[in-house]
Amino acid sequence: MRIDIVTIFPEFFSALDVSLLGKARESGLIELAVHDLRDFTHDRHRSVDDTPYGGGAGMVMKPEPWGYALDSILDPLPEEREARLEGCPTIIFPSPAGELFTQAMAQELSAEPHLIFGCGRYEGIDERVFEYAASRARVRLVSMGDYVLNGGEVATMAMIEAIGRLIPGVVGNPQSLVEESHSDGLLEYPSYTKPAEWRGLEVPPVLLNGNHGAIAAWRHEQQLERTRRIRPDLLS
């Protein structure tokens, strides 16, 4: 998978050099490029924002740098209009006004050959950037939840982590992806390791008896109980 990130804080993504995603980059499973939006400005102050039309608080990211940045990443479009979006990358703009990011979306996006993340800041990005991007690629505005962050970088990091680990070969034991929260629509069951007794707290006896059928049934019941208690909305 190829991943491009457009941001005014390229140093933020140095964390992607470590852990499993860092190894995935070294092995060629993930190709990552980070682009500084300020490199696509044409004034001496390298300005990427301006005051909003219609008034209001804060600043809005200007369309010009975004247009140049996207042009530098995207391939030229074919002349046939109906073929324009076929095989094009998906551009994801983190936004509290977007669709909710879920494990199902992560699974869907992990099959894409090319993802582009556009990290907004301030009061957001000029709406025309989304309209222009949609003429060149598939565009999705995606929200991490019902809250607001200072910018799109944290959300982009979270999405890349969630998507990247689902790419075949990134996680050493694929079975671990099956037995985790949200993989089957439920929260994950509790996990334990040695010692069997720690500071007066004991591992549930069912996990120690070697009866795999009983263990599977206990784990499923724990998933249901935890989901009912913490995320009852998932059961509906």
Protein backbone atom coordinates (compact mmCIF):
# COMPACT_ATOMS: atom_id res chain seq x y z
CA MET A 1 0.00 0.00 0.00
CA ARG A 2 1.11 3.53 -0.77
CA ILE A 3 0.25 6.24 1.77
CA ASP A 4 0.74 9.98 1.23
CA ILE A 5 0.20 12.52 4.02
CA VAL A 6 -0.17 16.28 3.53
CA THR A 7 0.40 18.30 6.70
CA ILE A 8 2.02 21.45 8.07
CA PHE A 9 3.71 19.31 10.74
CA PRO A 10 5.61 16.59 8.84
CA GLU A 11 7.78 15.83 11.88
CA PHE A 12 4.67 14.59 13.66
CA PHE A 13 4.77 11.37 11.66
CA SER A 14 8.26 10.25 12.65
CA ALA A 15 6.49 7.81 15.02
CA LEU A 16 5.56 5.74 11.96
CA ASP A 17 9.21 4.66 11.73
CA VAL A 18 8.88 2.48 14.83
CA SER A 19 7.04 -0.70 15.85
CA LEU A 20 5.14 -2.87 13.38
CA LEU A 21 4.45 -0.08 10.88
CA GLY A 22 8.14 0.80 10.80
CA LYS A 23 8.97 -2.82 10.01
CA ALA A 24 6.24 -2.85 7.36
CA ARG A 25 7.88 0.14 5.70
CA GLU A 26 11.30 -1.50 5.82
CA SER A 27 9.93 -4.67 4.22
CA GLY A 28 8.09 -2.75 1.51
CA LEU A 29 4.56 -3.64 2.62
CA ILE A 30 3.83 0.06 3.14
CA GLU A 31 5.29 2.94 1.12
CA LEU A 32 4.90 6.21 3.01
CA ALA A 33 5.56 9.80 1.95
CA VAL A 34 4.92 12.90 4.07
CA HIS A 35 4.46 16.23 2.28
CA ASP A 36 4.84 19.63 3.93
CA LEU A 37 1.92 21.81 2.79
CA ARG A 38 4.07 24.92 3.22
CA ASP A 39 6.32 23.68 0.40
CA PHE A 40 3.44 24.40 -1.96
CA THR A 41 3.03 28.08 -1.02
CA HIS A 42 4.35 30.96 -3.14
CA ASP A 43 4.75 33.82 -0.68
CA ARG A 44 7.71 34.62 1.55
CA HIS A 45 5.72 33.90 4.71
CA ARG A 46 4.68 30.44 3.43
CA SER A 47 1.09 31.20 4.44
CA VAL A 48 -1.45 28.39 4.39
CA ASP A 49 -4.43 30.16 6.01
CA ASP A 50 -6.51 33.33 5.76
CA THR A 51 -9.59 34.93 7.35
CA PRO A 52 -12.95 33.31 6.56
CA TYR A 53 -15.42 34.84 4.12
CA GLY A 54 -18.56 35.87 5.99
CA GLY A 55 -16.65 36.53 9.19
CA GLY A 56 -16.25 34.35 12.21
CA ALA A 57 -13.52 33.22 14.58
CA GLY A 58 -10.27 31.61 13.53
CA MET A 59 -8.62 31.07 10.17
CA VAL A 60 -9.36 28.79 7.21
CA MET A 61 -6.76 26.88 5.20
CA LYS A 62 -6.38 28.36 1.72
CA PRO A 63 -7.18 26.30 -1.38
CA GLU A 64 -4.08 27.20 -3.43
CA PRO A 65 -1.46 25.23 -1.45
CA TRP A 66 -3.80 22.26 -1.20
CA GLY A 67 -4.42 22.27 -4.94
CA TYR A 68 -0.70 22.26 -5.71
CA ALA A 69 -0.02 19.58 -3.11
CA LEU A 70 -2.70 17.25 -4.44
CA ASP A 71 -1.59 17.86 -8.04
CA SER A 72 1.93 16.77 -7.09
CA ILE A 73 0.66 13.46 -5.68
CA LEU A 74 -2.14 12.51 -8.06
CA ASP A 75 -1.58 11.09 -11.51
CA PRO A 76 -3.05 12.99 -14.49
CA LEU A 77 -6.67 12.06 -15.17
CA PRO A 78 -7.63 10.09 -18.27
CA GLU A 79 -9.68 12.04 -20.78
CA GLU A 80 -12.73 9.75 -20.57
CA ARG A 81 -14.91 11.13 -17.80
CA GLU A 82 -16.39 7.74 -16.86
CA ALA A 83 -12.90 6.31 -16.34
CA ARG A 84 -11.66 9.17 -14.20
CA LEU A 85 -12.23 7.70 -10.75
CA GLU A 86 -11.60 4.06 -11.67
CA GLY A 87 -8.42 2.93 -9.93
CA CYS A 88 -7.89 6.38 -8.38
CA PRO A 89 -6.63 6.70 -4.82
CA THR A 90 -8.87 7.54 -1.89
CA ILE A 91 -8.28 10.90 -0.22
CA ILE A 92 -9.22 11.02 3.46
CA PHE A 93 -9.70 14.33 5.22
CA PRO A 94 -10.08 13.91 9.01
CA SER A 95 -13.05 16.05 10.03
CA PRO A 96 -15.53 16.18 12.92
CA ALA A 97 -18.14 16.70 10.19
CA GLY A 98 -17.30 13.39 8.51
CA GLU A 99 -18.53 9.80 8.68
CA LEU A 100 -17.51 7.82 11.75
CA PHE A 101 -14.33 5.77 11.50
CA THR A 102 -14.94 2.14 12.44
CA GLN A 103 -13.13 -1.19 12.33
CA ALA A 104 -15.23 -2.08 9.29
CA MET A 105 -13.97 1.05 7.51
CA ALA A 106 -10.39 0.21 8.50
CA GLN A 107 -10.84 -3.25 6.98
CA GLU A 108 -12.28 -1.74 3.81
CA LEU A 109 -9.49 0.81 3.44
CA SER A 110 -6.76 -1.79 4.11
CA ALA A 111 -7.54 -3.23 0.67
CA GLU A 112 -6.89 0.08 -1.11
CA PRO A 113 -3.61 0.36 -3.03
CA HIS A 114 -3.20 4.11 -2.41
CA LEU A 115 -4.47 6.34 0.39
CA ILE A 116 -3.89 10.08 0.77
CA PHE A 117 -4.51 11.84 4.08
CA GLY A 118 -5.07 15.60 4.18
CA CYS A 119 -4.50 17.02 7.66
CA GLY A 120 -6.49 20.18 8.22
CA ARG A 121 -5.81 22.78 10.92
CA TYR A 122 -7.37 25.97 12.33
CA GLU A 123 -11.10 26.20 11.47
CA GLY A 124 -10.72 23.72 8.65
CA ILE A 125 -9.99 23.64 4.92
CA ASP A 126 -11.68 25.72 2.24
CA GLU A 127 -14.64 23.61 1.07
CA ARG A 128 -13.57 23.96 -2.56
CA VAL A 129 -10.55 21.76 -1.83
CA PHE A 130 -12.89 18.83 -1.19
CA GLU A 131 -14.84 19.58 -4.35
CA TYR A 132 -11.67 19.78 -6.44
CA ALA A 133 -10.23 16.63 -4.85
CA ALA A 134 -13.45 14.76 -5.66
CA SER A 135 -12.91 15.54 -9.33
CA ARG A 136 -9.52 13.84 -9.18
CA ALA A 137 -10.05 10.95 -6.76
CA ARG A 138 -12.48 9.39 -4.29
CA VAL A 139 -12.88 11.64 -1.25
CA ARG A 140 -14.02 10.75 2.26
CA LEU A 141 -14.36 13.06 5.25
CA VAL A 142 -13.85 10.88 8.31
CA SER A 143 -14.42 11.57 12.00
CA MET A 144 -12.76 9.75 14.90
CA GLY A 145 -15.70 10.48 17.20
CA ASP A 146 -17.94 13.15 18.65
CA TYR A 147 -15.15 15.49 19.72
CA VAL A 148 -12.81 18.04 18.12
CA LEU A 149 -9.02 17.86 17.85
CA ASN A 150 -6.59 20.70 17.09
CA GLY A 151 -5.80 19.21 13.71
CA GLY A 152 -5.95 16.13 11.52
CA GLU A 153 -2.56 14.69 12.45
CA VAL A 154 -3.63 12.68 15.51
CA ALA A 155 -6.65 11.28 13.64
CA THR A 156 -4.48 10.39 10.65
CA MET A 157 -2.00 8.57 12.87
CA ALA A 158 -4.82 6.57 14.47
CA MET A 159 -6.32 5.65 11.11
CA ILE A 160 -2.98 4.61 9.61
CA GLU A 161 -2.31 2.44 12.65
CA ALA A 162 -5.76 0.82 12.44
CA ILE A 163 -5.59 0.33 8.67
CA GLY A 164 -1.92 -0.63 8.41
CA ARG A 165 -2.09 -3.49 10.90
CA LEU A 166 -4.81 -5.13 8.75
CA ILE A 167 -2.58 -5.30 5.68
CA PRO A 168 -1.54 -8.94 5.21
CA GLY A 169 1.95 -9.53 6.58
CA VAL A 170 2.10 -6.53 8.91
CA VAL A 171 0.96 -8.41 12.04
CA GLY A 172 2.95 -11.59 12.60
CA ASN A 173 0.05 -13.75 13.81
CA PRO A 174 -3.08 -13.07 11.71
CA GLN A 175 -5.21 -14.92 14.28
CA SER A 176 -4.66 -12.04 16.71
CA LEU A 177 -6.65 -9.81 14.35
CA VAL A 178 -9.63 -12.15 14.61
CA GLU A 179 -9.78 -12.29 18.41
CA GLU A 180 -9.88 -8.58 19.24
CA SER A 181 -12.42 -5.87 19.93
CA HIS A 182 -14.77 -5.01 17.05
CA SER A 183 -13.50 -7.82 14.80
CA ASP A 184 -16.83 -9.60 15.30
CA GLY A 185 -18.88 -6.59 16.38
CA LEU A 186 -18.25 -7.15 20.10
CA LEU A 187 -15.68 -5.92 22.57
CA GLU A 188 -12.75 -8.21 23.28
CA TYR A 189 -12.77 -10.64 26.20
CA PRO A 190 -10.33 -10.03 29.13
CA SER A 191 -6.84 -11.52 28.85
CA TYR A 192 -4.56 -13.06 31.49
CA THR A 193 -1.00 -14.42 31.69
CA LYS A 194 1.34 -15.92 34.31
CA PRO A 195 1.38 -16.00 37.30
CA ALA A 196 -1.99 -17.61 38.06
CA GLU A 197 -2.23 -15.61 41.30
CA TRP A 198 -0.99 -12.02 41.62
CA ARG A 199 -1.42 -9.80 44.68
CA GLY A 200 -4.41 -11.78 45.81
CA LEU A 201 -6.09 -11.71 42.39
CA GLU A 202 -6.55 -15.02 40.56
CA VAL A 203 -6.95 -15.99 36.92
CA PRO A 204 -10.45 -17.41 36.23
CA PRO A 205 -10.23 -21.21 36.77
CA VAL A 206 -11.83 -21.99 33.39
CA LEU A 207 -8.68 -20.71 31.65
CA LEU A 208 -6.49 -23.19 33.54
CA ASN A 209 -8.30 -26.45 32.86
CA GLY A 210 -7.34 -26.96 29.21
CA ASN A 211 -10.95 -27.43 28.09
CA HIS A 212 -10.91 -25.41 24.87
CA GLY A 213 -14.66 -25.64 24.35
CA ALA A 214 -15.34 -24.28 27.83
CA ILE A 215 -12.72 -21.56 27.31
CA ALA A 216 -14.31 -20.48 24.01
CA ALA A 217 -17.76 -20.35 25.61
CA TRP A 218 -16.45 -18.35 28.59
CA ARG A 219 -14.68 -15.87 26.33
CA HIS A 220 -17.79 -15.34 24.22
CA GLU A 221 -19.90 -14.76 27.30
CA GLN A 222 -17.32 -12.27 28.56
CA GLN A 223 -17.51 -10.45 25.23
CA LEU A 224 -21.29 -10.20 25.51
CA GLU A 225 -21.19 -9.09 29.14
CA ARG A 226 -18.54 -6.43 28.52
CA THR A 227 -20.33 -5.15 25.42
CA ARG A 228 -23.68 -4.96 27.27
CA ARG A 229 -22.04 -3.04 30.09
CA ILE A 230 -19.77 -0.66 28.16
CA ARG A 231 -21.10 -0.42 24.59
CA PRO A 232 -24.74 -1.59 24.51
CA ASP A 233 -25.17 0.33 21.25
CA LEU A 234 -23.08 -2.32 19.47
CA LEU A 235 -25.57 -5.04 20.36
CA SER A 236 -28.40 -3.24 18.58
